[in-house]
Amino acid sequence: MSEFVAYSIKQKKRILVAPLHWGLGHATRCIPIIKALIDNEFEPIIASDGVALSLLKKEFPNLETLELPSYNISYPKKGNQIKLKLLKNSFHILKTIKKERRFIEKYIESTKVDGIISDNRFGIRHKSVPSVFITHQLKVLSGNTTWLSSKIHQSIIEKFDECWVPDHKGSYNLSGDLGHTQTKNLNVKYIGSLSRLQKQNIKNAYDIMVLLSGPEPQRTTLEKKLIHELTHKEVSVIFIKGVIEADQYRKEINNITFYNFMTTDELETAINNSAIILARSGYTTIMDLSKLEKKAFFIPTPGQFEQIYLAKKLMKDKIAPFCHQDEFTLDQLKSIDNYNGFTKINYKLDYKDLFSLF
């Protein structure tokens, strides 16, 4: 009589990773999380919208992807009108959060999901699934209404099982008061800065790298400003527009080499072999430049309190200078010599322990 031994193949746990589409920062900082999930035998499912989803599809062409409802976040032409615009859009934002909740309810009814990682998507959580919220903003700056915006944000974070802050817990950190405020009822874990890039010891090929991202119309406004200031100058410039399209292009015009976008490997090499990085003071960009130990000059998005705060913090810490968008000229970059640039922060995240929630 034959004996049959049944072997069961252990199914990988499926983790939904859902970054907000507000520029590219939330998507790109999720790339190391997604790679770590794969390395630790999980099956990531990517959920987002717009160019954030397009970017992640290019990075992970073999993973399942879902298109989520869009917040359609954009900036006003004038930075001082941003609070008013966000207030006007608040009904649409609340409506989108409800759409996210309905989406995730239906998806989990029909498909097995073992965990959720939401990067600033308020509605992507479920009471029956371990749910994580990623943010570097426990304190949300909004001028004289900071107390209210922070309270609202923290009340949303409370609904998640854990809050992962991509920064270091100690006094030497990148987010300052944004990620290190006193909080109650929040299960906060500091996971160190997240970057998809690695430092390379290579010679500089470019004097300046322009690294653009962020919502319109401010992205285009800065693009036009920088092209005007940098063209026909005695500097070599590589200019990454941060526009995700079906095909990549490369154009050389005078002293500037333009790309619409770059993949992770291409961007890693380009930043490493550029002497100075000229960019918005978005938090993901700051984490990337910190990992690569670069010298930088920042131009915060007009009216965005968070980026202005971070730019001022980095200047105070003697890491990098900044100026406002309408003030920039090529001569401003000379001030970089008076700053130390980013230095390495030694920290290794234990992903196995982090993912034990799932």
Protein backbone atom coordinates (compact mmCIF):
# COMPACT_ATOMS: atom_id res chain seq x y z
CA MET A 1 0.00 0.00 0.00
CA SER A 2 1.47 3.30 -1.03
CA GLU A 3 1.70 6.14 1.37
CA PHE A 4 1.24 9.67 0.20
CA VAL A 5 2.71 12.54 2.08
CA ALA A 6 1.01 15.88 1.53
CA TYR A 7 3.22 18.88 1.46
CA SER A 8 1.68 22.28 1.86
CA ILE A 9 3.35 25.29 0.33
CA LYS A 10 3.24 28.20 2.70
CA GLN A 11 1.61 31.14 1.04
CA LYS A 12 3.34 34.49 1.29
CA LYS A 13 1.56 37.11 3.35
CA ARG A 14 0.12 39.85 1.17
CA ILE A 15 0.84 43.43 2.25
CA LEU A 16 -0.90 46.38 0.61
CA VAL A 17 1.46 49.38 0.25
CA ALA A 18 -0.38 52.62 -0.53
CA PRO A 19 1.57 55.90 -0.88
CA LEU A 20 -0.13 59.25 -1.39
CA HIS A 21 0.20 60.88 -4.80
CA TRP A 22 1.52 64.33 -3.86
CA GLY A 23 4.59 64.72 -6.03
CA LEU A 24 6.85 61.65 -6.03
CA GLY A 25 8.23 61.68 -2.48
CA HIS A 26 5.70 59.38 -0.81
CA ALA A 27 6.07 56.82 -3.61
CA THR A 28 9.87 56.84 -3.73
CA ARG A 29 10.30 56.47 0.02
CA CYS A 30 8.07 53.40 -0.11
CA ILE A 31 10.47 51.71 -2.56
CA PRO A 32 12.87 50.48 0.19
CA ILE A 33 9.85 49.25 2.18
CA ILE A 34 8.54 47.30 -0.83
CA LYS A 35 11.99 45.82 -1.52
CA ALA A 36 12.34 44.81 2.14
CA LEU A 37 8.93 43.12 2.07
CA ILE A 38 10.03 41.08 -0.95
CA ASP A 39 13.36 40.20 0.71
CA ASN A 40 11.47 39.02 3.80
CA GLU A 41 9.17 36.71 1.83
CA PHE A 42 6.08 38.94 1.75
CA GLU A 43 4.03 39.68 -1.35
CA PRO A 44 3.54 43.46 -1.74
CA ILE A 45 0.53 44.89 -3.56
CA ILE A 46 1.01 48.48 -4.74
CA ALA A 47 -1.93 50.89 -4.52
CA SER A 48 -1.79 54.55 -5.52
CA ASP A 49 -2.74 56.86 -8.38
CA GLY A 50 -1.28 59.33 -10.88
CA VAL A 51 2.45 59.61 -11.44
CA ALA A 52 3.15 57.95 -8.08
CA LEU A 53 1.52 54.76 -9.35
CA SER A 54 3.22 55.12 -12.74
CA LEU A 55 6.63 55.38 -11.08
CA LEU A 56 6.07 52.31 -8.89
CA LYS A 57 4.85 50.30 -11.88
CA LYS A 58 8.15 51.07 -13.61
CA GLU A 59 10.13 50.10 -10.51
CA PHE A 60 8.15 46.89 -9.82
CA PRO A 61 6.65 45.70 -13.12
CA ASN A 62 5.88 42.21 -11.77
CA LEU A 63 3.83 43.27 -8.74
CA GLU A 64 0.07 43.58 -8.58
CA THR A 65 -1.05 47.21 -8.71
CA LEU A 66 -4.31 48.94 -7.84
CA GLU A 67 -5.51 52.41 -8.78
CA LEU A 68 -6.93 54.32 -5.83
CA PRO A 69 -9.22 57.37 -5.86
CA SER A 70 -7.22 60.55 -6.44
CA TYR A 71 -6.99 63.48 -4.04
CA ASN A 72 -6.11 65.68 -7.07
CA ILE A 73 -3.89 67.87 -4.90
CA SER A 74 -2.45 70.93 -6.58
CA TYR A 75 -0.92 74.20 -5.43
CA PRO A 76 -2.12 77.71 -6.19
CA LYS A 77 0.06 79.95 -8.34
CA LYS A 78 0.71 82.15 -5.31
CA GLY A 79 2.14 80.43 -2.24
CA ASN A 80 0.27 82.62 0.24
CA GLN A 81 -3.03 81.20 -1.06
CA ILE A 82 -2.27 77.58 -0.20
CA LYS A 83 -4.27 77.49 3.07
CA LEU A 84 -7.31 78.94 1.32
CA LYS A 85 -7.02 76.43 -1.54
CA LEU A 86 -6.70 73.48 0.84
CA LEU A 87 -9.71 74.76 2.78
CA LYS A 88 -11.73 74.97 -0.43
CA ASN A 89 -10.63 71.43 -1.32
CA SER A 90 -11.40 70.00 2.14
CA PHE A 91 -14.81 68.65 1.05
CA HIS A 92 -13.21 66.86 -1.90
CA ILE A 93 -10.47 65.46 0.35
CA LEU A 94 -13.04 64.11 2.85
CA LYS A 95 -15.01 62.62 -0.04
CA THR A 96 -11.86 60.92 -1.35
CA ILE A 97 -11.10 59.46 2.09
CA LYS A 98 -14.59 57.90 2.11
CA LYS A 99 -13.95 56.50 -1.38
CA GLU A 100 -10.69 54.99 -0.11
CA ARG A 101 -12.51 53.36 2.81
CA ARG A 102 -15.15 51.86 0.48
CA PHE A 103 -12.42 50.69 -1.90
CA ILE A 104 -10.45 48.92 0.81
CA GLU A 105 -13.60 47.34 2.31
CA LYS A 106 -14.58 45.83 -1.05
CA TYR A 107 -11.02 44.74 -1.85
CA ILE A 108 -10.56 42.91 1.45
CA GLU A 109 -13.96 41.23 1.07
CA SER A 110 -12.81 39.65 -2.19
CA THR A 111 -9.05 39.26 -1.70
CA LYS A 112 -6.77 38.07 1.11
CA VAL A 113 -4.74 40.91 2.65
CA ASP A 114 -2.54 40.34 5.71
CA GLY A 115 -1.34 43.89 6.32
CA ILE A 116 -1.67 47.48 5.17
CA ILE A 117 1.05 50.14 4.96
CA SER A 118 -0.40 53.55 4.17
CA ASP A 119 1.93 56.46 3.48
CA ASN A 120 -0.30 59.44 4.28
CA ARG A 121 -3.47 57.95 2.77
CA PHE A 122 -6.02 58.55 5.50
CA GLY A 123 -8.67 56.08 4.31
CA ILE A 124 -6.42 53.09 3.59
CA ARG A 125 -6.87 51.02 6.75
CA HIS A 126 -9.11 48.21 7.95
CA LYS A 127 -10.21 47.15 11.41
CA SER A 128 -9.57 43.45 10.69
CA VAL A 129 -6.11 43.92 9.13
CA PRO A 130 -2.96 45.25 10.90
CA SER A 131 -2.65 48.77 9.50
CA VAL A 132 0.37 51.10 9.55
CA PHE A 133 0.53 54.82 8.84
CA ILE A 134 3.83 56.29 7.61
CA THR A 135 4.49 59.97 8.24
CA HIS A 136 7.29 62.30 9.28
CA GLN A 137 4.71 64.87 10.40
CA LEU A 138 3.32 64.19 13.85
CA LYS A 139 3.11 67.97 13.96
CA VAL A 140 1.54 69.53 10.87
CA LEU A 141 2.56 73.13 10.33
CA SER A 142 -0.12 75.52 9.07
CA GLY A 143 0.80 78.89 10.53
CA ASN A 144 -1.51 80.08 13.30
CA THR A 145 -3.68 76.95 12.90
CA THR A 146 -0.82 74.48 13.53
CA TRP A 147 -2.43 73.30 16.77
CA LEU A 148 -5.63 72.39 14.88
CA SER A 149 -4.00 70.73 11.84
CA SER A 150 -1.74 68.70 14.17
CA LYS A 151 -4.69 67.60 16.31
CA ILE A 152 -6.70 66.51 13.27
CA HIS A 153 -3.72 64.62 11.83
CA GLN A 154 -2.98 62.84 15.10
CA SER A 155 -6.65 61.85 15.48
CA ILE A 156 -6.40 60.10 12.11
CA ILE A 157 -3.10 58.39 13.00
CA GLU A 158 -4.70 57.04 16.21
CA LYS A 159 -6.98 54.86 14.09
CA PHE A 160 -3.97 52.88 12.78
CA ASP A 161 -2.24 50.09 14.73
CA GLU A 162 1.22 51.65 14.36
CA CYS A 163 2.76 54.88 13.10
CA TRP A 164 6.17 54.56 11.45
CA VAL A 165 8.20 57.77 11.45
CA PRO A 166 11.02 57.68 8.87
CA ASP A 167 13.59 59.45 11.00
CA HIS A 168 15.97 58.92 13.90
CA LYS A 169 14.76 59.20 17.47
CA GLY A 170 17.74 61.05 18.91
CA SER A 171 18.70 64.70 18.86
CA TYR A 172 20.51 64.34 15.53
CA ASN A 173 17.59 63.89 13.19
CA LEU A 174 16.19 65.23 9.90
CA SER A 175 12.58 66.16 10.67
CA GLY A 176 13.05 68.22 13.84
CA ASP A 177 9.83 69.21 15.61
CA LEU A 178 7.72 67.73 12.81
CA GLY A 179 8.52 64.16 13.79
CA HIS A 180 9.48 64.56 17.43
CA THR A 181 6.57 66.23 19.16
CA GLN A 182 4.99 64.91 22.35
CA THR A 183 2.06 62.68 21.42
CA LYS A 184 -0.50 60.59 23.25
CA ASN A 185 -2.32 57.47 22.07
CA LEU A 186 0.02 57.02 19.11
CA ASN A 187 2.01 53.79 18.77
CA VAL A 188 5.04 55.49 17.19
CA LYS A 189 8.09 53.64 15.89
CA TYR A 190 11.14 55.53 14.58
CA ILE A 191 12.48 53.51 11.66
CA GLY A 192 15.38 55.69 10.53
CA SER A 193 15.46 57.68 7.32
CA LEU A 194 14.22 55.84 4.23
CA SER A 195 16.06 56.06 0.92
CA ARG A 196 16.05 53.89 -2.17
CA LEU A 197 19.58 55.09 -3.04
CA GLN A 198 23.11 54.00 -2.13
CA LYS A 199 26.29 56.06 -1.88
CA GLN A 200 28.87 55.55 -4.65
CA ASN A 201 32.44 56.78 -4.60
CA ILE A 202 32.67 58.16 -8.13
CA LYS A 203 34.03 61.33 -9.70
CA ASN A 204 31.72 64.26 -10.35
CA ALA A 205 30.49 64.53 -13.94
CA TYR A 206 28.27 67.57 -13.35
CA ASP A 207 28.68 70.81 -11.40
CA ILE A 208 24.98 71.08 -10.60
CA MET A 209 22.07 68.67 -10.52
CA VAL A 210 18.52 70.06 -10.58
CA LEU A 211 16.08 67.61 -9.01
CA LEU A 212 12.46 68.68 -9.40
CA SER A 213 9.25 67.16 -8.07
CA GLY A 214 6.02 68.20 -6.41
CA PRO A 215 2.54 69.25 -7.48
CA GLU A 216 1.75 71.68 -10.25
CA PRO A 217 1.80 74.53 -11.04
CA GLN A 218 4.77 75.22 -8.73
CA ARG A 219 6.91 72.46 -10.27
CA THR A 220 6.67 74.09 -13.70
CA THR A 221 7.16 77.59 -12.25
CA LEU A 222 10.48 76.56 -10.68
CA GLU A 223 11.51 74.65 -13.82
CA LYS A 224 11.17 77.80 -15.94
CA LYS A 225 12.98 79.90 -13.33
CA LEU A 226 15.96 77.53 -13.11
CA ILE A 227 16.31 77.07 -16.86
CA HIS A 228 16.46 80.85 -17.22
CA GLU A 229 19.09 81.18 -14.47
CA LEU A 230 21.30 78.24 -15.49
CA THR A 231 21.32 78.32 -19.31
CA HIS A 232 24.46 79.69 -21.05
CA LYS A 233 26.44 79.66 -17.81
CA GLU A 234 29.90 78.14 -17.38
CA VAL A 235 28.60 75.20 -15.38
CA SER A 236 27.59 71.70 -16.44
CA VAL A 237 24.04 70.91 -15.37
CA ILE A 238 21.96 67.74 -15.31
CA PHE A 239 18.28 68.65 -15.02
CA ILE A 240 15.72 66.03 -13.87
CA LYS A 241 12.24 67.46 -14.40
CA GLY A 242 10.41 64.87 -12.30
CA VAL A 243 7.75 64.26 -14.96
CA ILE A 244 6.83 60.57 -15.23
CA GLU A 245 5.88 59.70 -18.82
CA ALA A 246 5.59 56.51 -20.86
CA ASP A 247 9.06 56.93 -22.32
CA GLN A 248 12.20 58.51 -20.97
CA TYR A 249 13.90 61.22 -23.02
CA ARG A 250 17.30 62.89 -22.86
CA LYS A 251 18.05 66.27 -24.44
CA GLU A 252 21.19 68.38 -24.43
CA ILE A 253 20.62 72.11 -24.81
CA ASN A 254 23.67 74.33 -24.36
CA ASN A 255 25.20 73.50 -20.97
CA ILE A 256 22.19 71.54 -19.66
CA THR A 257 21.35 67.85 -20.07
CA PHE A 258 17.60 67.31 -19.55
CA TYR A 259 15.73 64.17 -18.50
CA ASN A 260 12.00 63.96 -17.89
CA PHE A 261 12.57 61.28 -15.23
CA MET A 262 15.05 58.62 -14.12
CA THR A 263 14.74 55.13 -12.70
CA THR A 264 16.25 54.43 -9.28
CA ASP A 265 19.59 53.13 -10.61
CA GLU A 266 19.98 56.06 -13.01
CA LEU A 267 19.09 58.61 -10.36
CA GLU A 268 21.46 57.05 -7.85
CA THR A 269 24.39 57.42 -10.26
CA ALA A 270 23.38 60.95 -11.34
CA ILE A 271 23.16 62.29 -7.79
CA ASN A 272 26.40 60.59 -6.77
CA ASN A 273 28.34 62.15 -9.64
CA SER A 274 26.96 65.68 -9.20
CA ALA A 275 28.83 68.17 -7.02
CA ILE A 276 25.79 70.21 -5.89
CA ILE A 277 22.12 69.25 -5.72
CA LEU A 278 19.55 71.99 -6.28
CA ALA A 279 16.10 70.86 -5.15
CA ARG A 280 12.93 71.45 -3.19
CA SER A 281 13.29 70.86 0.54
CA GLY A 282 10.86 67.95 0.45
CA TYR A 283 11.46 65.41 3.16
CA THR A 284 12.10 62.44 0.86
CA THR A 285 14.70 64.45 -1.07
CA ILE A 286 16.36 65.36 2.23
CA MET A 287 16.50 61.68 3.24
CA ASP A 288 18.04 60.75 -0.12
CA LEU A 289 20.71 63.45 0.05
CA SER A 290 21.49 62.54 3.64
CA LYS A 291 22.05 58.90 2.62
CA LEU A 292 24.39 60.00 -0.18
CA GLU A 293 26.17 62.61 1.99
CA LYS A 294 25.71 65.40 -0.56
CA LYS A 295 26.00 69.16 -0.57
CA ALA A 296 22.75 70.85 -1.48
CA PHE A 297 20.90 74.11 -1.98
CA PHE A 298 17.16 74.15 -1.30
CA ILE A 299 14.27 76.18 -2.70
CA PRO A 300 11.14 75.37 -0.66
CA THR A 301 7.77 75.32 -2.37
CA PRO A 302 6.11 78.72 -1.80
CA GLY A 303 3.50 78.57 0.94
CA GLN A 304 4.37 75.04 2.07
CA PHE A 305 5.08 75.47 5.77
CA GLU A 306 6.73 72.06 6.11
CA GLN A 307 9.34 72.65 3.39
CA ILE A 308 10.10 76.15 4.66
CA TYR A 309 10.58 74.80 8.19
CA LEU A 310 12.90 72.01 6.98
CA ALA A 311 14.96 74.42 4.86
CA LYS A 312 15.39 76.76 7.84
CA LYS A 313 16.32 73.82 10.11
CA LEU A 314 19.02 72.61 7.69
CA MET A 315 20.41 76.13 7.40
CA LYS A 316 20.46 76.52 11.20
CA ASP A 317 22.22 73.15 11.51
CA LYS A 318 24.86 74.38 9.00
CA ILE A 319 23.99 71.54 6.62
CA ALA A 320 22.64 73.44 3.61
CA PRO A 321 21.53 76.96 2.63
CA PHE A 322 18.24 77.92 1.01
CA CYS A 323 16.44 80.84 -0.56
CA HIS A 324 12.88 81.61 -1.60
CA GLN A 325 11.84 80.81 -5.17
CA ASP A 326 11.67 84.37 -6.49
CA GLU A 327 15.09 85.21 -5.02
CA PHE A 328 17.19 82.51 -6.69
CA THR A 329 20.17 83.36 -8.89
CA LEU A 330 23.22 81.28 -9.78
CA ASP A 331 25.33 83.41 -7.42
CA GLN A 332 23.28 82.07 -4.48
CA LEU A 333 25.06 78.73 -4.84
CA LYS A 334 28.36 80.27 -3.69
CA SER A 335 27.02 80.19 -0.13
CA ILE A 336 27.20 76.38 -0.13
CA ASP A 337 30.92 76.64 0.71
CA ASN A 338 29.93 77.90 4.17
CA TYR A 339 27.92 74.76 4.95
CA ASN A 340 28.99 71.24 5.90
CA GLY A 341 26.62 69.23 3.73
CA PHE A 342 24.93 66.05 4.89
CA THR A 343 26.89 63.52 6.93
CA LYS A 344 26.21 59.85 7.43
CA ILE A 345 23.86 58.69 10.19
CA ASN A 346 24.73 55.10 11.15
CA TYR A 347 21.53 53.12 11.61
CA LYS A 348 20.36 49.72 10.38
CA LEU A 349 16.66 48.96 10.45
CA ASP A 350 15.61 45.48 11.57
CA TYR A 351 12.91 44.83 8.98
CA LYS A 352 12.14 41.37 10.36
CA ASP A 353 11.20 42.93 13.69
CA LEU A 354 9.36 45.81 12.01
CA PHE A 355 7.25 43.46 9.89
CA SER A 356 6.39 41.22 12.89
CA LEU A 357 3.13 43.20 13.16
CA PHE A 358 1.91 41.24 10.14
